[in-house]
Amino acid sequence: KIVQKPWHERVETDMASGKQKAEDNLFAVVEKLVQTATLANHRRNLRTASNCLRRAYAICTKQVESGSLAGRVCRATVTLQLCALSSRAGQHAEALEEALKAVLEAEEVWSAMHGMTSEVSSSWSPNLVSRALAALVQAKHCVAIELEYNLAEKTKALGQEVPEADMIREQMIPSLHREAFALARRLPSS
């Protein structure tokens, strides 16, 4: 005897499957644009790399505007790529700004996934959770790295240590790395 699920359970399953498919498609499109940008960057074609990343960012933003959490994860990831592009071009102030945007977006997503508990809700796909966590880990590392670059640039420009340099080097930067490492331990091993 074949037992069918009630209609409302079938609809929920179909909706979840459709949502998962849409997330997977979004991730695939954005990853393709990021790969193209990375290749262009390696060939020193910064304009093409930047254009690809801006296009990916626009796609993500459109998804965010429709309420997609996956869009926010993708946007944080693309913002990290913009950070790397700026950093490679020696524009560390801009890179720090991008890293800070990424960490803010990734932290908001991570908080949304947790709700009011310390555990991630089981309603989120493991793929989305893993990507959100990876974006947050990378964003925290990028902020720490770009802080170091910005501190070095300011010190060089002033010809002396920036007053808060010790606090930034000895407390902020290590704290960001520790937070990132603690979060990274929660990533599934591949």
N, C-alpha and C. Protein backbone atom coordinates (compact mmCIF):
# COMPACT_ATOMS: atom_id res chain seq x y z
N LYS A 1 0.84 -1.18 0.00
CA LYS A 1 0.00 0.00 0.00
C LYS A 1 0.89 1.24 0.00
N ILE A 2 0.59 2.17 -0.87
CA ILE A 2 1.34 3.42 -0.95
C ILE A 2 0.64 4.46 -0.10
N VAL A 3 1.43 5.04 0.79
CA VAL A 3 0.88 6.07 1.66
C VAL A 3 1.42 7.41 1.19
N GLN A 4 0.53 8.32 0.87
CA GLN A 4 0.95 9.64 0.44
C GLN A 4 0.93 10.60 1.62
N LYS A 5 1.84 11.54 1.56
CA LYS A 5 1.85 12.60 2.57
C LYS A 5 0.63 13.47 2.36
N PRO A 6 0.15 14.08 3.43
CA PRO A 6 -0.94 15.05 3.25
C PRO A 6 -0.50 16.16 2.30
N TRP A 7 -1.44 16.80 1.62
CA TRP A 7 -1.13 17.80 0.60
C TRP A 7 -0.26 18.93 1.13
N HIS A 8 -0.51 19.39 2.36
CA HIS A 8 0.27 20.52 2.89
C HIS A 8 1.73 20.15 3.12
N GLU A 9 2.00 18.90 3.47
CA GLU A 9 3.38 18.46 3.64
C GLU A 9 4.09 18.36 2.29
N ARG A 10 3.34 17.91 1.25
CA ARG A 10 3.92 17.84 -0.09
C ARG A 10 4.26 19.23 -0.61
N VAL A 11 3.38 20.19 -0.37
CA VAL A 11 3.61 21.57 -0.81
C VAL A 11 4.84 22.15 -0.11
N GLU A 12 4.94 21.92 1.22
CA GLU A 12 6.10 22.41 1.97
C GLU A 12 7.39 21.80 1.44
N THR A 13 7.36 20.51 1.14
CA THR A 13 8.54 19.83 0.60
C THR A 13 8.91 20.39 -0.77
N ASP A 14 7.90 20.60 -1.63
CA ASP A 14 8.16 21.18 -2.95
C ASP A 14 8.71 22.59 -2.83
N MET A 15 8.16 23.38 -1.92
CA MET A 15 8.64 24.75 -1.73
C MET A 15 10.09 24.74 -1.23
N ALA A 16 10.40 23.86 -0.29
CA ALA A 16 11.77 23.77 0.23
C ALA A 16 12.72 23.33 -0.87
N SER A 17 12.27 22.39 -1.69
CA SER A 17 13.10 21.92 -2.80
C SER A 17 13.34 23.04 -3.80
N GLY A 18 12.30 23.82 -4.10
CA GLY A 18 12.44 24.95 -5.02
C GLY A 18 13.36 26.02 -4.46
N LYS A 19 13.26 26.26 -3.17
CA LYS A 19 14.12 27.25 -2.51
C LYS A 19 15.57 26.79 -2.56
N GLN A 20 15.79 25.50 -2.30
CA GLN A 20 17.15 24.94 -2.34
C GLN A 20 17.73 25.05 -3.74
N LYS A 21 16.91 24.77 -4.74
CA LYS A 21 17.35 24.87 -6.13
C LYS A 21 17.72 26.31 -6.48
N ALA A 22 16.90 27.26 -6.02
CA ALA A 22 17.18 28.68 -6.28
C ALA A 22 18.48 29.10 -5.60
N GLU A 23 18.69 28.64 -4.36
CA GLU A 23 19.94 28.95 -3.66
C GLU A 23 21.13 28.37 -4.41
N ASP A 24 21.01 27.10 -4.81
CA ASP A 24 22.11 26.45 -5.54
C ASP A 24 22.43 27.18 -6.84
N ASN A 25 21.38 27.62 -7.55
CA ASN A 25 21.58 28.37 -8.80
C ASN A 25 22.28 29.70 -8.52
N LEU A 26 21.85 30.38 -7.48
CA LEU A 26 22.48 31.66 -7.12
C LEU A 26 23.95 31.45 -6.80
N PHE A 27 24.25 30.45 -5.98
CA PHE A 27 25.64 30.18 -5.64
C PHE A 27 26.47 29.86 -6.89
N ALA A 28 25.89 29.08 -7.80
CA ALA A 28 26.62 28.70 -9.01
C ALA A 28 26.92 29.91 -9.89
N VAL A 29 25.93 30.79 -10.09
CA VAL A 29 26.13 31.98 -10.92
C VAL A 29 27.18 32.89 -10.30
N VAL A 30 27.07 33.13 -9.01
CA VAL A 30 28.01 34.03 -8.33
C VAL A 30 29.42 33.43 -8.33
N GLU A 31 29.53 32.13 -8.09
CA GLU A 31 30.85 31.49 -8.10
C GLU A 31 31.50 31.58 -9.48
N LYS A 32 30.69 31.46 -10.52
CA LYS A 32 31.23 31.56 -11.89
C LYS A 32 31.77 32.98 -12.12
N LEU A 33 31.03 33.99 -11.71
CA LEU A 33 31.50 35.38 -11.86
C LEU A 33 32.75 35.63 -11.02
N VAL A 34 32.80 35.08 -9.82
CA VAL A 34 33.97 35.25 -8.95
C VAL A 34 35.18 34.56 -9.58
N GLN A 35 34.98 33.36 -10.14
CA GLN A 35 36.08 32.66 -10.81
C GLN A 35 36.60 33.46 -12.00
N THR A 36 35.69 34.04 -12.77
CA THR A 36 36.08 34.86 -13.91
C THR A 36 36.87 36.08 -13.44
N ALA A 37 36.41 36.69 -12.35
CA ALA A 37 37.10 37.85 -11.78
C ALA A 37 38.49 37.46 -11.28
N THR A 38 38.60 36.32 -10.65
CA THR A 38 39.89 35.86 -10.14
C THR A 38 40.87 35.63 -11.29
N LEU A 39 40.39 35.01 -12.34
CA LEU A 39 41.23 34.78 -13.51
C LEU A 39 41.69 36.11 -14.12
N ALA A 40 40.77 37.05 -14.25
CA ALA A 40 41.12 38.38 -14.78
C ALA A 40 42.13 39.08 -13.88
N ASN A 41 41.95 38.94 -12.59
CA ASN A 41 42.87 39.55 -11.62
C ASN A 41 44.27 38.97 -11.77
N HIS A 42 44.36 37.65 -11.93
CA HIS A 42 45.67 37.01 -12.12
C HIS A 42 46.35 37.47 -13.40
N ARG A 43 45.54 37.85 -14.37
CA ARG A 43 46.08 38.36 -15.64
C ARG A 43 46.29 39.87 -15.59
N ARG A 44 46.12 40.44 -14.39
CA ARG A 44 46.30 41.88 -14.16
C ARG A 44 45.28 42.73 -14.91
N ASN A 45 44.13 42.16 -15.19
CA ASN A 45 43.05 42.91 -15.83
C ASN A 45 42.05 43.29 -14.73
N LEU A 46 42.40 44.33 -13.97
CA LEU A 46 41.62 44.72 -12.81
C LEU A 46 40.23 45.24 -13.20
N ARG A 47 40.14 45.87 -14.35
CA ARG A 47 38.83 46.41 -14.77
C ARG A 47 37.84 45.27 -15.00
N THR A 48 38.27 44.23 -15.71
CA THR A 48 37.38 43.09 -15.96
C THR A 48 37.03 42.40 -14.64
N ALA A 49 38.03 42.24 -13.78
CA ALA A 49 37.78 41.61 -12.48
C ALA A 49 36.76 42.41 -11.68
N SER A 50 36.96 43.71 -11.64
CA SER A 50 36.03 44.57 -10.90
C SER A 50 34.63 44.52 -11.50
N ASN A 51 34.53 44.54 -12.81
CA ASN A 51 33.21 44.49 -13.47
C ASN A 51 32.49 43.18 -13.16
N CYS A 52 33.21 42.07 -13.17
CA CYS A 52 32.59 40.78 -12.85
C CYS A 52 32.08 40.77 -11.41
N LEU A 53 32.89 41.30 -10.51
CA LEU A 53 32.48 41.33 -9.10
C LEU A 53 31.30 42.28 -8.89
N ARG A 54 31.30 43.41 -9.57
CA ARG A 54 30.17 44.34 -9.45
C ARG A 54 28.88 43.70 -9.99
N ARG A 55 29.00 42.94 -11.08
CA ARG A 55 27.83 42.25 -11.63
C ARG A 55 27.33 41.21 -10.62
N ALA A 56 28.26 40.45 -10.03
CA ALA A 56 27.87 39.46 -9.02
C ALA A 56 27.21 40.15 -7.82
N TYR A 57 27.76 41.28 -7.42
CA TYR A 57 27.20 42.03 -6.29
C TYR A 57 25.77 42.47 -6.61
N ALA A 58 25.54 42.94 -7.84
CA ALA A 58 24.19 43.38 -8.23
C ALA A 58 23.21 42.21 -8.22
N ILE A 59 23.64 41.05 -8.67
CA ILE A 59 22.79 39.86 -8.65
C ILE A 59 22.43 39.51 -7.21
N CYS A 60 23.41 39.54 -6.35
CA CYS A 60 23.18 39.22 -4.93
C CYS A 60 22.22 40.23 -4.30
N THR A 61 22.44 41.49 -4.59
CA THR A 61 21.60 42.54 -4.02
C THR A 61 20.15 42.38 -4.45
N LYS A 62 19.94 42.00 -5.69
CA LYS A 62 18.57 41.76 -6.17
C LYS A 62 17.92 40.64 -5.36
N GLN A 63 18.69 39.61 -5.07
CA GLN A 63 18.17 38.50 -4.24
C GLN A 63 17.91 38.95 -2.81
N VAL A 64 18.80 39.78 -2.28
CA VAL A 64 18.62 40.30 -0.92
C VAL A 64 17.32 41.10 -0.85
N GLU A 65 17.08 41.91 -1.86
CA GLU A 65 15.87 42.74 -1.89
C GLU A 65 14.60 41.89 -1.90
N SER A 66 14.70 40.65 -2.39
CA SER A 66 13.53 39.76 -2.37
C SER A 66 13.48 38.93 -1.09
N GLY A 67 14.38 39.22 -0.14
CA GLY A 67 14.34 38.55 1.16
C GLY A 67 15.21 37.31 1.26
N SER A 68 16.10 37.10 0.33
CA SER A 68 16.92 35.88 0.31
C SER A 68 18.12 35.99 1.24
N LEU A 69 18.18 35.07 2.19
CA LEU A 69 19.35 35.00 3.07
C LEU A 69 20.56 34.50 2.29
N ALA A 70 20.32 33.61 1.33
CA ALA A 70 21.41 33.13 0.48
C ALA A 70 22.01 34.30 -0.30
N GLY A 71 21.18 35.24 -0.70
CA GLY A 71 21.67 36.44 -1.38
C GLY A 71 22.60 37.24 -0.50
N ARG A 72 22.29 37.30 0.79
CA ARG A 72 23.15 38.03 1.73
C ARG A 72 24.48 37.30 1.92
N VAL A 73 24.44 35.97 1.96
CA VAL A 73 25.67 35.20 2.09
C VAL A 73 26.54 35.43 0.86
N CYS A 74 25.92 35.36 -0.31
CA CYS A 74 26.66 35.60 -1.56
C CYS A 74 27.22 37.02 -1.59
N ARG A 75 26.43 37.99 -1.15
CA ARG A 75 26.89 39.38 -1.19
C ARG A 75 28.08 39.56 -0.26
N ALA A 76 28.07 38.93 0.91
CA ALA A 76 29.22 39.01 1.81
C ALA A 76 30.45 38.39 1.15
N THR A 77 30.26 37.28 0.48
CA THR A 77 31.37 36.60 -0.20
C THR A 77 31.94 37.45 -1.33
N VAL A 78 31.06 38.07 -2.12
CA VAL A 78 31.51 38.94 -3.21
C VAL A 78 32.23 40.16 -2.63
N THR A 79 31.73 40.69 -1.54
CA THR A 79 32.37 41.84 -0.90
C THR A 79 33.78 41.48 -0.44
N LEU A 80 33.97 40.26 0.01
CA LEU A 80 35.31 39.80 0.38
C LEU A 80 36.22 39.76 -0.84
N GLN A 81 35.68 39.37 -1.98
CA GLN A 81 36.47 39.37 -3.21
C GLN A 81 36.83 40.79 -3.63
N LEU A 82 35.91 41.72 -3.43
CA LEU A 82 36.20 43.14 -3.71
C LEU A 82 37.30 43.63 -2.77
N CYS A 83 37.27 43.17 -1.53
CA CYS A 83 38.31 43.50 -0.55
C CYS A 83 39.66 42.99 -1.06
N ALA A 84 39.71 41.76 -1.49
CA ALA A 84 40.96 41.18 -1.98
C ALA A 84 41.48 41.92 -3.21
N LEU A 85 40.57 42.29 -4.09
CA LEU A 85 40.96 43.03 -5.29
C LEU A 85 41.56 44.39 -4.93
N SER A 86 40.91 45.09 -4.00
CA SER A 86 41.43 46.39 -3.55
C SER A 86 42.77 46.23 -2.86
N SER A 87 42.88 45.21 -2.04
CA SER A 87 44.13 44.97 -1.31
C SER A 87 45.27 44.69 -2.28
N ARG A 88 44.99 43.86 -3.27
CA ARG A 88 46.03 43.52 -4.25
C ARG A 88 46.48 44.76 -5.03
N ALA A 89 45.55 45.71 -5.21
CA ALA A 89 45.87 46.95 -5.92
C ALA A 89 46.54 47.97 -4.98
N GLY A 90 46.76 47.57 -3.72
CA GLY A 90 47.41 48.47 -2.76
C GLY A 90 46.47 49.51 -2.17
N GLN A 91 45.18 49.35 -2.37
CA GLN A 91 44.19 50.27 -1.83
C GLN A 91 43.63 49.70 -0.52
N HIS A 92 44.46 49.77 0.52
CA HIS A 92 44.12 49.09 1.76
C HIS A 92 43.02 49.77 2.56
N ALA A 93 42.86 51.07 2.44
CA ALA A 93 41.75 51.74 3.13
C ALA A 93 40.42 51.27 2.54
N GLU A 94 40.35 51.18 1.22
CA GLU A 94 39.15 50.68 0.55
C GLU A 94 38.94 49.20 0.88
N ALA A 95 40.03 48.45 0.91
CA ALA A 95 39.93 47.02 1.24
C ALA A 95 39.39 46.82 2.65
N LEU A 96 39.84 47.64 3.59
CA LEU A 96 39.34 47.55 4.96
C LEU A 96 37.85 47.86 5.01
N GLU A 97 37.44 48.87 4.26
CA GLU A 97 36.02 49.22 4.21
C GLU A 97 35.19 48.05 3.68
N GLU A 98 35.66 47.41 2.63
CA GLU A 98 34.96 46.24 2.07
C GLU A 98 34.93 45.09 3.08
N ALA A 99 36.04 44.87 3.76
CA ALA A 99 36.10 43.79 4.76
C ALA A 99 35.11 44.05 5.89
N LEU A 100 35.01 45.30 6.31
CA LEU A 100 34.07 45.65 7.38
C LEU A 100 32.63 45.45 6.93
N LYS A 101 32.32 45.79 5.67
CA LYS A 101 30.98 45.56 5.13
C LYS A 101 30.67 44.06 5.13
N ALA A 102 31.66 43.27 4.72
CA ALA A 102 31.46 41.82 4.66
C ALA A 102 31.24 41.23 6.04
N VAL A 103 32.00 41.69 7.02
CA VAL A 103 31.84 41.14 8.36
C VAL A 103 30.48 41.53 8.94
N LEU A 104 30.03 42.73 8.67
CA LEU A 104 28.71 43.15 9.14
C LEU A 104 27.61 42.30 8.51
N GLU A 105 27.67 42.12 7.21
CA GLU A 105 26.66 41.31 6.51
C GLU A 105 26.69 39.87 7.02
N ALA A 106 27.89 39.30 7.11
CA ALA A 106 28.02 37.90 7.54
C ALA A 106 27.55 37.71 9.00
N GLU A 107 27.86 38.68 9.86
CA GLU A 107 27.41 38.57 11.26
C GLU A 107 25.89 38.67 11.36
N GLU A 108 25.29 39.54 10.55
CA GLU A 108 23.82 39.65 10.56
C GLU A 108 23.18 38.35 10.08
N VAL A 109 23.75 37.75 9.05
CA VAL A 109 23.23 36.47 8.56
C VAL A 109 23.37 35.40 9.63
N TRP A 110 24.55 35.33 10.22
CA TRP A 110 24.81 34.32 11.25
C TRP A 110 23.85 34.49 12.42
N SER A 111 23.59 35.72 12.81
CA SER A 111 22.63 36.00 13.89
C SER A 111 21.23 35.57 13.50
N ALA A 112 20.84 35.85 12.26
CA ALA A 112 19.51 35.46 11.79
C ALA A 112 19.35 33.95 11.80
N MET A 113 20.41 33.24 11.51
CA MET A 113 20.35 31.78 11.50
C MET A 113 20.21 31.20 12.90
N HIS A 114 20.68 31.95 13.88
CA HIS A 114 20.61 31.48 15.26
C HIS A 114 19.30 31.85 15.95
N GLY A 115 18.70 32.93 15.51
CA GLY A 115 17.50 33.39 16.21
C GLY A 115 17.84 33.74 17.64
N MET A 116 17.10 33.22 18.56
CA MET A 116 17.31 33.54 19.98
C MET A 116 18.08 32.43 20.72
N THR A 117 18.65 31.49 19.98
CA THR A 117 19.34 30.37 20.63
C THR A 117 20.82 30.40 20.28
N SER A 118 21.57 29.54 20.94
CA SER A 118 23.01 29.45 20.65
C SER A 118 23.29 28.47 19.51
N GLU A 119 22.28 27.75 19.08
CA GLU A 119 22.44 26.78 18.00
C GLU A 119 21.75 27.27 16.73
N VAL A 120 22.28 26.85 15.59
CA VAL A 120 21.69 27.20 14.31
C VAL A 120 20.40 26.41 14.13
N SER A 121 19.36 27.08 13.70
CA SER A 121 18.07 26.44 13.47
C SER A 121 18.22 25.37 12.38
N SER A 122 17.52 24.25 12.55
CA SER A 122 17.59 23.17 11.56
C SER A 122 16.82 23.51 10.29
N SER A 123 16.14 24.65 10.27
CA SER A 123 15.39 25.03 9.07
C SER A 123 16.30 25.53 7.95
N TRP A 124 17.56 25.80 8.26
CA TRP A 124 18.51 26.28 7.24
C TRP A 124 19.24 25.10 6.63
N SER A 125 19.49 25.16 5.33
CA SER A 125 20.20 24.07 4.67
C SER A 125 21.65 24.05 5.17
N PRO A 126 22.22 22.86 5.29
CA PRO A 126 23.62 22.76 5.74
C PRO A 126 24.57 23.53 4.82
N ASN A 127 24.27 23.54 3.53
CA ASN A 127 25.10 24.26 2.58
C ASN A 127 25.09 25.76 2.88
N LEU A 128 23.92 26.30 3.13
CA LEU A 128 23.79 27.73 3.43
C LEU A 128 24.49 28.07 4.74
N VAL A 129 24.33 27.24 5.74
CA VAL A 129 24.97 27.47 7.04
C VAL A 129 26.49 27.45 6.88
N SER A 130 26.99 26.47 6.17
CA SER A 130 28.43 26.34 5.95
C SER A 130 28.99 27.55 5.20
N ARG A 131 28.29 27.99 4.19
CA ARG A 131 28.74 29.16 3.41
C ARG A 131 28.70 30.43 4.25
N ALA A 132 27.67 30.57 5.05
CA ALA A 132 27.55 31.76 5.91
C ALA A 132 28.69 31.79 6.92
N LEU A 133 28.97 30.65 7.50
CA LEU A 133 30.04 30.56 8.49
C LEU A 133 31.40 30.82 7.84
N ALA A 134 31.63 30.25 6.66
CA ALA A 134 32.89 30.47 5.94
C ALA A 134 33.08 31.94 5.61
N ALA A 135 32.01 32.60 5.19
CA ALA A 135 32.09 34.04 4.88
C ALA A 135 32.45 34.84 6.13
N LEU A 136 31.86 34.48 7.26
CA LEU A 136 32.15 35.20 8.51
C LEU A 136 33.60 34.99 8.94
N VAL A 137 34.08 33.77 8.84
CA VAL A 137 35.48 33.47 9.19
C VAL A 137 36.43 34.28 8.30
N GLN A 138 36.21 34.24 7.01
CA GLN A 138 37.07 34.96 6.07
C GLN A 138 37.00 36.47 6.30
N ALA A 139 35.81 36.97 6.57
CA ALA A 139 35.64 38.41 6.78
C ALA A 139 36.42 38.88 8.00
N LYS A 140 36.37 38.13 9.07
CA LYS A 140 37.11 38.53 10.28
C LYS A 140 38.62 38.52 10.02
N HIS A 141 39.10 37.52 9.32
CA HIS A 141 40.53 37.49 8.97
C HIS A 141 40.89 38.68 8.08
N CYS A 142 40.04 38.99 7.11
CA CYS A 142 40.32 40.11 6.21
C CYS A 142 40.37 41.44 6.95
N VAL A 143 39.47 41.64 7.89
CA VAL A 143 39.49 42.88 8.68
C VAL A 143 40.82 42.97 9.43
N ALA A 144 41.24 41.88 10.05
CA ALA A 144 42.51 41.88 10.80
C ALA A 144 43.69 42.20 9.89
N ILE A 145 43.73 41.57 8.74
CA ILE A 145 44.84 41.78 7.80
C ILE A 145 44.86 43.22 7.29
N GLU A 146 43.69 43.72 6.92
CA GLU A 146 43.63 45.09 6.39
C GLU A 146 43.87 46.13 7.48
N LEU A 147 43.53 45.83 8.71
CA LEU A 147 43.89 46.73 9.82
C LEU A 147 45.41 46.86 9.91
N GLU A 148 46.08 45.73 9.79
CA GLU A 148 47.55 45.73 9.85
C GLU A 148 48.14 46.56 8.70
N TYR A 149 47.63 46.37 7.49
CA TYR A 149 48.11 47.16 6.35
C TYR A 149 47.85 48.65 6.56
N ASN A 150 46.65 49.00 7.01
CA ASN A 150 46.31 50.40 7.23
C ASN A 150 47.17 51.02 8.32
N LEU A 151 47.44 50.27 9.35
CA LEU A 151 48.29 50.75 10.44
C LEU A 151 49.70 51.02 9.93
N ALA A 152 50.22 50.10 9.12
CA ALA A 152 51.56 50.28 8.56
C ALA A 152 51.61 51.51 7.65
N GLU A 153 50.57 51.69 6.83
CA GLU A 153 50.54 52.86 5.94
C GLU A 153 50.48 54.17 6.72
N LYS A 154 49.67 54.20 7.77
CA LYS A 154 49.55 55.42 8.58
C LYS A 154 50.85 55.71 9.32
N THR A 155 51.48 54.68 9.83
CA THR A 155 52.75 54.85 10.53
C THR A 155 53.80 55.41 9.57
N LYS A 156 53.85 54.86 8.37
CA LYS A 156 54.81 55.32 7.37
C LYS A 156 54.53 56.78 6.98
N ALA A 157 53.27 57.11 6.77
CA ALA A 157 52.89 58.47 6.37
C ALA A 157 53.21 59.49 7.46
N LEU A 158 53.01 59.12 8.71
CA LEU A 158 53.26 60.03 9.83
C LEU A 158 54.74 60.08 10.22
N GLY A 159 55.46 59.03 9.87
CA GLY A 159 56.86 58.95 10.27
C GLY A 159 57.03 58.54 11.72
N GLN A 160 55.94 58.12 12.32
CA GLN A 160 55.97 57.65 13.72
C GLN A 160 54.77 56.74 13.96
N GLU A 161 54.82 56.04 15.09
CA GLU A 161 53.74 55.12 15.43
C GLU A 161 52.43 55.88 15.65
N VAL A 162 51.35 55.30 15.18
CA VAL A 162 50.01 55.83 15.44
C VAL A 162 49.73 55.58 16.93
N PRO A 163 49.13 56.56 17.63
CA PRO A 163 48.92 56.41 19.08
C PRO A 163 48.25 55.10 19.50
N GLU A 164 47.26 54.66 18.75
CA GLU A 164 46.55 53.43 19.15
C GLU A 164 47.14 52.17 18.52
N ALA A 165 48.33 52.27 17.94
CA ALA A 165 48.93 51.13 17.23
C ALA A 165 49.11 49.91 18.12
N ASP A 166 49.61 50.12 19.34
CA ASP A 166 49.84 48.98 20.23
C ASP A 166 48.55 48.24 20.54
N MET A 167 47.50 49.00 20.84
CA MET A 167 46.22 48.39 21.16
C MET A 167 45.68 47.60 19.95
N ILE A 168 45.81 48.18 18.76
CA ILE A 168 45.32 47.51 17.56
C ILE A 168 46.12 46.24 17.29
N ARG A 169 47.46 46.34 17.38
CA ARG A 169 48.31 45.18 17.11
C ARG A 169 48.21 44.10 18.17
N GLU A 170 48.14 44.52 19.43
CA GLU A 170 48.21 43.55 20.53
C GLU A 170 46.85 43.03 20.97
N GLN A 171 45.77 43.77 20.68
CA GLN A 171 44.46 43.34 21.15
C GLN A 171 43.47 43.09 20.02
N MET A 172 43.24 44.10 19.19
CA MET A 172 42.20 43.97 18.16
C MET A 172 42.49 42.89 17.13
N ILE A 173 43.67 42.97 16.54
CA ILE A 173 44.00 42.03 15.46
C ILE A 173 44.03 40.59 15.98
N PRO A 174 44.72 40.31 17.09
CA PRO A 174 44.68 38.93 17.59
C PRO A 174 43.27 38.47 17.98
N SER A 175 42.47 39.40 18.51
CA SER A 175 41.11 39.05 18.88
C SER A 175 40.29 38.65 17.66
N LEU A 176 40.43 39.39 16.57
CA LEU A 176 39.71 39.04 15.34
C LEU A 176 40.13 37.67 14.82
N HIS A 177 41.44 37.40 14.86
CA HIS A 177 41.92 36.08 14.41
C HIS A 177 41.40 34.97 15.32
N ARG A 178 41.41 35.20 16.63
CA ARG A 178 40.89 34.18 17.57
C ARG A 178 39.41 33.90 17.30
N GLU A 179 38.63 34.96 17.10
CA GLU A 179 37.20 34.77 16.81
C GLU A 179 37.03 33.96 15.53
N ALA A 180 37.81 34.29 14.51
CA ALA A 180 37.71 33.58 13.24
C ALA A 180 38.09 32.11 13.41
N PHE A 181 39.16 31.84 14.15
CA PHE A 181 39.57 30.44 14.36
C PHE A 181 38.52 29.67 15.14
N ALA A 182 37.92 30.30 16.15
CA ALA A 182 36.87 29.63 16.92
C ALA A 182 35.68 29.30 16.04
N LEU A 183 35.30 30.22 15.18
CA LEU A 183 34.19 29.96 14.26
C LEU A 183 34.57 28.89 13.24
N ALA A 184 35.79 28.92 12.76
CA ALA A 184 36.25 27.95 11.75
C ALA A 184 36.16 26.53 12.27
N ARG A 185 36.36 26.34 13.57
CA ARG A 185 36.26 24.99 14.15
C ARG A 185 34.85 24.42 14.00
N ARG A 186 33.86 25.29 13.78
CA ARG A 186 32.49 24.83 13.62
C ARG A 186 32.17 24.42 12.17
N LEU A 187 33.09 24.74 11.25
CA LEU A 187 32.88 24.36 9.85
C LEU A 187 32.98 22.84 9.70
N PRO A 188 32.14 22.27 8.85
CA PRO A 188 32.25 20.82 8.62
C PRO A 188 33.57 20.53 7.90
N SER A 189 34.22 19.46 8.27
CA SER A 189 35.47 19.09 7.60
C SER A 189 35.12 18.40 6.29
N SER A 190 35.95 18.68 5.27
CA SER A 190 35.62 18.09 3.97
C SER A 190 36.52 16.94 3.65
